[in-house]
Protein backbone atom coordinates (compact mmCIF):
# COMPACT_ATOMS: atom_id res chain seq x y z
CA UNK A 1 45.88 112.71 134.13
CA UNK A 2 44.89 109.77 131.98
CA UNK A 3 45.08 111.95 128.85
CA UNK A 4 48.49 113.31 129.87
CA UNK A 5 49.77 109.81 130.55
CA UNK A 6 48.56 108.59 127.18
CA UNK A 7 50.18 111.55 125.43
CA UNK A 8 53.45 111.01 127.31
CA UNK A 9 53.40 107.31 126.47
CA UNK A 10 52.71 108.00 122.79
CA UNK A 11 55.50 110.58 122.71
CA UNK A 12 57.91 108.10 124.26
CA UNK A 13 56.88 105.41 121.81
CA UNK A 14 57.29 107.86 118.93
CA UNK A 15 60.76 108.81 120.10
CA UNK A 16 61.71 105.15 120.47
CA UNK A 17 60.41 104.38 116.99
CA UNK A 18 62.31 107.32 115.53
CA UNK A 19 65.50 106.13 117.21
CA UNK A 20 64.89 102.59 116.00
CA UNK A 21 64.28 103.76 112.45
CA UNK A 22 67.37 105.97 112.55
CA UNK A 23 69.43 103.05 113.83
CA UNK A 24 68.02 100.81 111.12
CA UNK A 25 68.81 103.40 108.45
CA UNK A 26 72.35 103.71 109.82
CA UNK A 27 72.76 99.95 109.76
CA UNK A 28 71.64 99.82 106.12
CA UNK A 29 73.67 102.76 104.83
CA UNK A 30 76.00 102.28 101.89
CA UNK A 31 79.46 103.80 102.24
CA UNK A 32 81.82 104.55 99.36
CA UNK A 33 85.51 104.56 100.27
CA UNK A 34 88.03 106.11 97.87
CA UNK A 35 91.31 104.18 97.71
CA UNK A 36 94.26 106.08 96.23
CA UNK A 37 97.72 104.76 95.33
CA UNK A 38 100.66 105.55 93.06
CA UNK A 39 101.24 102.52 90.81
CA UNK A 40 99.59 101.71 87.47
CA UNK A 41 96.63 99.32 87.83
CA UNK A 42 98.42 96.38 86.19
CA UNK A 43 101.23 96.36 88.79
CA UNK A 44 101.13 93.42 91.22
CA UNK A 45 100.06 95.27 94.36
CA UNK A 46 97.10 97.07 92.75
CA UNK A 47 95.93 94.09 90.71
CA UNK A 48 96.70 91.23 93.12
CA UNK A 49 96.36 92.87 96.54
CA UNK A 50 94.36 96.11 96.54
CA UNK A 51 91.63 95.02 94.12
CA UNK A 52 91.08 91.63 95.84
CA UNK A 53 91.08 93.36 99.23
CA UNK A 54 88.45 95.83 98.00
CA UNK A 55 86.27 93.04 96.59
CA UNK A 56 86.54 91.12 99.85
CA UNK A 57 85.47 94.19 101.83
CA UNK A 58 82.50 94.71 99.53
CA UNK A 59 81.43 91.06 99.76
CA UNK A 60 81.78 90.77 103.53
CA UNK A 61 79.80 93.99 104.02
CA UNK A 62 76.96 92.63 101.93
CA UNK A 63 77.55 95.39 99.42
CA UNK A 64 77.18 98.14 102.02
CA UNK A 65 80.81 99.19 101.53
CA UNK A 66 81.85 100.19 98.04
CA UNK A 67 85.54 100.75 97.33
CA UNK A 68 86.39 103.12 94.50
CA UNK A 69 89.98 102.67 93.35
CA UNK A 70 92.12 105.50 92.00
CA UNK A 71 95.42 104.28 90.51
CA UNK A 72 98.59 106.11 89.51
CA UNK A 73 97.83 109.24 91.56
CA UNK A 74 94.53 109.80 89.70
CA UNK A 75 93.20 111.91 92.59
CA UNK A 76 96.14 114.28 92.31
CA UNK A 77 99.17 115.01 94.40
CA UNK A 78 102.43 113.09 94.59
CA UNK A 79 103.34 109.73 96.18
CA UNK A 80 104.98 111.41 99.22
CA UNK A 81 101.63 113.10 99.96
CA UNK A 82 99.59 109.88 100.11
CA UNK A 83 99.90 109.23 103.84
CA UNK A 84 98.66 112.74 104.59
CA UNK A 85 95.85 112.33 102.07
CA UNK A 86 94.54 109.47 104.22
CA UNK A 87 95.16 111.41 107.41
CA UNK A 88 93.41 114.54 106.15
CA UNK A 89 90.52 112.83 104.35
CA UNK A 90 91.54 113.82 100.82
CA UNK A 91 91.21 110.08 100.22
CA UNK A 92 89.61 107.54 102.54
CA UNK A 93 92.31 104.88 102.13
CA UNK A 94 95.84 105.08 100.72
CA UNK A 95 98.74 102.73 100.08
CA UNK A 96 102.23 104.21 99.95
CA UNK A 97 105.93 103.90 100.76
CA UNK A 98 106.87 105.15 104.21
CA UNK A 99 110.35 106.16 103.06
CA UNK A 100 108.86 108.80 100.76
CA UNK A 101 108.48 111.04 103.83
CA UNK A 102 112.02 111.07 105.29
CA UNK A 103 112.47 111.26 109.04
CA UNK A 104 108.78 110.89 109.80
CA UNK A 105 108.55 107.20 110.67
CA UNK A 106 111.71 106.91 112.71
CA UNK A 107 111.03 103.62 114.48
CA UNK A 108 109.61 101.99 111.37
CA UNK A 109 112.79 102.83 109.43
CA UNK A 110 114.63 99.97 111.10
CA UNK A 111 113.22 97.55 108.51
CA UNK A 112 114.95 99.56 105.75
CA UNK A 113 118.43 98.92 107.12
CA UNK A 114 120.82 96.99 104.83
CA UNK A 115 120.42 93.21 104.78
CA UNK A 116 117.52 93.36 107.23
CA UNK A 117 114.70 91.68 105.28
CA UNK A 118 114.32 88.83 102.84
CA UNK A 119 111.20 86.84 101.97
CA UNK A 120 108.42 89.42 101.83
CA UNK A 121 105.65 87.41 103.50
CA UNK A 122 107.85 86.60 106.48
CA UNK A 123 109.28 90.10 106.70
CA UNK A 124 105.81 91.65 106.37
CA UNK A 125 104.43 89.55 109.23
CA UNK A 126 107.42 90.62 111.31
CA UNK A 127 107.00 94.28 110.36
CA UNK A 128 103.30 94.28 111.26
CA UNK A 129 104.02 92.76 114.66
CA UNK A 130 106.93 95.16 115.17
CA UNK A 131 104.80 98.23 114.42
CA UNK A 132 102.02 97.05 116.74
CA UNK A 133 104.54 96.55 119.56
CA UNK A 134 107.04 99.33 119.07
CA UNK A 135 105.84 101.96 116.57
CA UNK A 136 102.05 102.20 116.85
CA UNK A 137 102.38 105.86 117.86
CA UNK A 138 103.70 106.68 114.37
CA UNK A 139 100.29 105.74 112.96
CA UNK A 140 97.95 107.17 115.59
CA UNK A 141 96.66 109.85 113.19
CA UNK A 142 95.10 107.18 110.94
CA UNK A 143 93.40 103.81 111.12
CA UNK A 144 96.23 101.40 110.30
CA UNK A 145 95.05 98.57 108.07
CA UNK A 146 98.46 96.96 107.54
CA UNK A 147 102.14 97.56 106.96
CA UNK A 148 104.44 95.36 104.90
CA UNK A 149 107.77 95.16 103.11
CA UNK A 150 108.88 94.09 99.67
CA UNK A 151 111.20 91.16 98.99
CA UNK A 152 114.99 91.21 98.59
CA UNK A 153 116.24 94.47 97.10
CA UNK A 154 118.77 94.43 94.27
CA UNK A 155 120.36 96.52 91.50
CA UNK A 156 119.13 96.98 87.93
CA UNK A 157 121.78 98.84 85.95
CA UNK A 158 122.88 99.82 82.44
CA UNK A 159 126.43 98.65 83.12
CA UNK A 160 126.97 95.46 85.17
CA UNK A 161 127.66 95.71 88.89
CA UNK A 162 130.05 92.83 89.54
CA UNK A 163 131.57 94.09 92.77
CA UNK A 164 131.87 97.14 94.99
CA UNK A 165 134.37 98.82 92.70
CA UNK A 166 132.10 98.71 89.65
CA UNK A 167 129.32 100.54 91.48
CA UNK A 168 131.45 103.59 92.25
CA UNK A 169 130.35 106.75 90.52
CA UNK A 170 127.12 105.28 89.14
CA UNK A 171 124.02 107.43 89.54
CA UNK A 172 121.61 105.07 91.29
CA UNK A 173 118.01 105.76 92.27
CA UNK A 174 117.19 105.21 95.94
CA UNK A 175 113.70 105.13 97.41
CA UNK A 176 114.39 106.40 100.93
CA UNK A 177 116.94 108.33 102.93
CA UNK A 178 118.26 105.11 104.51
CA UNK A 179 118.82 103.55 101.08
CA UNK A 180 120.39 106.76 99.74
CA UNK A 181 122.79 106.85 102.69
CA UNK A 182 123.70 103.22 101.97
CA UNK A 183 124.29 103.96 98.27
CA UNK A 184 126.62 106.81 99.18
CA UNK A 185 128.67 104.61 101.51
CA UNK A 186 128.90 101.95 98.82
CA UNK A 187 130.40 104.50 96.43
CA UNK A 188 127.42 105.29 94.20
CA UNK A 189 125.88 108.70 93.60
CA UNK A 190 122.40 108.42 95.14
CA UNK A 191 119.45 110.00 93.34
CA UNK A 192 116.25 109.99 95.39
CA UNK A 193 112.89 109.67 93.64
CA UNK A 194 109.56 107.82 93.97
CA UNK A 195 109.37 104.63 91.93
CA UNK A 196 106.93 105.96 89.27
CA UNK A 197 109.65 108.35 88.10
CA UNK A 198 112.22 105.59 87.49
CA UNK A 199 111.19 104.66 83.94
CA UNK A 200 111.61 108.19 82.58
CA UNK A 201 114.79 108.79 84.59
CA UNK A 202 116.40 105.66 83.11
CA UNK A 203 115.27 106.41 79.56
CA UNK A 204 116.59 109.98 79.73
CA UNK A 205 119.91 109.02 81.34
CA UNK A 206 119.20 110.87 84.58
CA UNK A 207 120.22 107.69 86.40
CA UNK A 208 122.45 104.72 85.50
CA UNK A 209 120.42 102.23 87.48
CA UNK A 210 117.88 101.73 90.21
CA UNK A 211 117.33 99.87 93.45
CA UNK A 212 113.98 98.07 93.38
CA UNK A 213 112.83 94.48 93.91
CA UNK A 214 112.04 92.19 90.96
CA UNK A 215 108.34 92.61 91.71
CA UNK A 216 107.84 96.04 90.15
CA UNK A 217 110.24 95.67 87.19
CA UNK A 218 107.60 94.58 84.62
CA UNK A 219 105.23 97.51 85.18
CA UNK A 220 108.17 99.95 84.98
CA UNK A 221 109.65 98.24 81.87
CA UNK A 222 112.99 97.91 83.68
CA UNK A 223 114.18 94.81 81.78
CA UNK A 224 113.77 96.73 78.53
CA UNK A 225 115.67 99.78 79.75
CA UNK A 226 118.60 98.01 81.44
CA UNK A 227 120.18 94.63 80.79
CA UNK A 228 122.02 93.97 84.07
CA UNK A 229 120.67 92.85 87.43
CA UNK A 230 122.81 92.21 90.53
CA UNK A 231 121.70 89.93 93.37
CA UNK A 232 123.34 88.98 96.66
CA UNK A 233 124.17 85.75 98.45
CA UNK A 234 121.95 84.75 101.35
CA UNK A 235 118.27 85.17 102.14
CA UNK A 236 118.42 88.91 102.84
CA UNK A 237 118.33 91.55 100.15
CA UNK A 238 120.67 94.53 100.02
CA UNK A 239 117.80 96.74 101.17
CA UNK A 240 114.08 96.74 101.91
CA UNK A 241 111.39 99.38 101.64
CA UNK A 242 108.36 99.61 103.89
CA UNK A 243 104.73 100.29 102.96
CA UNK A 244 101.61 101.41 104.80
CA UNK A 245 97.96 100.75 103.98
CA UNK A 246 95.97 103.28 106.00
CA UNK A 247 92.45 104.67 106.39
CA UNK A 248 91.20 108.08 107.39
CA UNK A 249 90.37 107.93 111.09
CA UNK A 250 87.13 109.91 110.81
CA UNK A 251 85.90 107.79 107.88
CA UNK A 252 86.50 104.68 110.00
CA UNK A 253 84.91 106.13 113.14
CA UNK A 254 81.74 107.07 111.23
CA UNK A 255 81.10 103.48 110.21
CA UNK A 256 78.48 101.48 112.14
CA UNK A 257 79.92 98.77 114.37
CA UNK A 258 79.32 95.90 111.95
CA UNK A 259 81.10 97.69 109.10
CA UNK A 260 84.00 98.61 111.38
CA UNK A 261 84.28 94.89 112.08
CA UNK A 262 84.55 94.19 108.35
CA UNK A 263 87.49 96.60 108.14
CA UNK A 264 89.03 95.19 111.32
CA UNK A 265 88.71 91.61 110.04
CA UNK A 266 90.69 92.63 106.97
CA UNK A 267 93.42 94.47 108.85
CA UNK A 268 96.49 93.30 110.74
CA UNK A 269 99.03 90.56 110.31
CA UNK A 270 97.15 88.35 107.83
CA UNK A 271 96.53 91.33 105.56
CA UNK A 272 100.22 92.24 105.84
CA UNK A 273 101.09 88.65 104.92
CA UNK A 274 98.76 88.78 101.91
CA UNK A 275 100.60 91.82 100.56
CA UNK A 276 103.88 90.00 101.21
CA UNK A 277 102.78 86.91 99.26
CA UNK A 278 101.85 89.11 96.31
CA UNK A 279 105.32 90.65 96.44
CA UNK A 280 107.03 87.24 96.64
CA UNK A 281 105.05 85.82 93.71
CA UNK A 282 105.70 88.94 91.64
CA UNK A 283 109.45 88.73 92.38
CA UNK A 284 109.50 85.34 90.62
CA UNK A 285 107.58 86.74 87.65
CA UNK A 286 109.88 89.74 87.33
CA UNK A 287 113.01 87.61 87.46
CA UNK A 288 111.63 85.15 84.91
CA UNK A 289 110.97 88.01 82.49
CA UNK A 290 114.60 89.15 82.79
CA UNK A 291 115.84 85.59 82.23
CA UNK A 292 113.64 85.12 79.15
CA UNK A 293 114.85 88.46 77.80
CA UNK A 294 118.42 87.14 77.99
CA UNK A 295 119.48 89.82 80.45
CA UNK A 296 122.66 89.48 82.51
CA UNK A 297 121.93 88.40 86.09
CA UNK A 298 124.99 88.80 88.31
CA UNK A 299 124.88 86.70 91.48
CA UNK A 300 127.51 87.97 93.90
CA UNK A 301 129.08 85.17 95.91
CA UNK A 302 129.26 84.90 99.70
CA UNK A 303 132.69 86.53 99.98
CA UNK A 304 131.75 89.54 97.83
CA UNK A 305 128.39 89.89 99.58
CA UNK A 306 130.24 89.98 102.90
CA UNK A 307 132.26 92.96 101.64
CA UNK A 308 129.00 94.79 100.90
CA UNK A 309 127.65 93.84 104.34
CA UNK A 310 130.71 95.30 106.06
CA UNK A 311 130.59 98.54 104.06
CA UNK A 312 126.81 98.95 104.44
CA UNK A 313 127.03 98.22 108.17
CA UNK A 314 127.97 101.86 108.75
CA UNK A 315 124.43 102.81 107.71
CA UNK A 316 123.02 101.03 110.75
CA UNK A 317 125.58 102.72 113.01
CA UNK A 318 124.54 106.10 111.60
CA UNK A 319 120.87 105.32 112.18
CA UNK A 320 121.40 104.12 115.75
CA UNK A 321 123.35 107.29 116.54
CA UNK A 322 120.66 109.48 114.98
CA UNK A 323 117.91 107.69 116.91
CA UNK A 324 119.81 108.17 120.16
CA UNK A 325 119.61 111.91 119.54
CA UNK A 326 115.82 111.51 119.37
CA UNK A 327 115.70 109.48 122.61
CA UNK A 328 115.00 106.28 120.67
CA UNK A 329 117.00 103.13 121.42
CA UNK A 330 117.82 102.21 117.83
CA UNK A 331 120.09 99.31 118.74
CA UNK A 332 117.30 97.68 120.73
CA UNK A 333 114.79 98.23 117.93
CA UNK A 334 117.15 96.69 115.37
CA UNK A 335 117.57 93.68 117.64
CA UNK A 336 113.80 93.37 118.10
CA UNK A 337 113.24 93.62 114.34
CA UNK A 338 115.73 90.84 113.60
CA UNK A 339 114.21 88.65 116.32
CA UNK A 340 110.75 89.06 114.80
CA UNK A 341 112.03 88.31 111.29
CA UNK A 342 113.70 85.15 112.64
CA UNK A 343 110.47 84.20 114.44
CA UNK A 344 108.38 84.45 111.30
CA UNK A 345 111.00 82.71 109.17
CA UNK A 346 110.54 79.46 111.14
């Protein structure tokens, strides 16, 4: 019996040691996460948000997380496929525009409605809180790191847009179905495409202008291709696009608890705000480049902007009606979105 007891005790100790060693090995493992996105590396979001975020993750993990960045769709595919690349594990982390997959993020679309958003940091904080409260189900297939918006949207055109009438008939790039619907109601001919395609489309005359914020104009060489930029009175831009920074759920779940905490500590509203600040700072840079180039910046006054607001208002009515058909209270969501934007603007 004494021999059997000793053998049983030794076996138990061996098993415990094996478990301990396995746990220790797990705790010390190094994980490489592949981050994929669609812009060139010099653009503001890759250089000022994604790279610093990756370095912060690596530092806070003590080097146990390595982030490998793939810019400008280097891993293959197209920008509209990026969300699914994170979902399916083609990449571990992706950053993309939600509007590139029309009709998929119905509740999140509310932030794309005309004259909804303004200052990106404020709007991004509001959007993050909104998604957590009202649209978390749209991201249940991934680990959501953050969502955010860009700053005030405006026109960049070959011929000046000085009022509603001058826009009519122009072929204008839109980045989402909401924006394309708005362009149509304003009298333009909408041409949908992801932002990386804008430079070539402008240079080849496929489009007469584009809707993007100032932020991305330098990396797309917009101020060289067009000489007119039209802004609107008030804090809100004509339009806003929404973005998601997401991680493959399985890749996240496989991490040991302490590394999950590193990801969690760099997710949420403060990360959304960081992306927003990058957008706001880059808007100033983009505008300054246009000014220094001597480009024509048209600032529509309050009365003319109000005309655009009235015409574009039908876009929200369309969206609310469409959401009702999907058993979603669009009017309530629009009200909640505006309340959150007002909250974070204080």
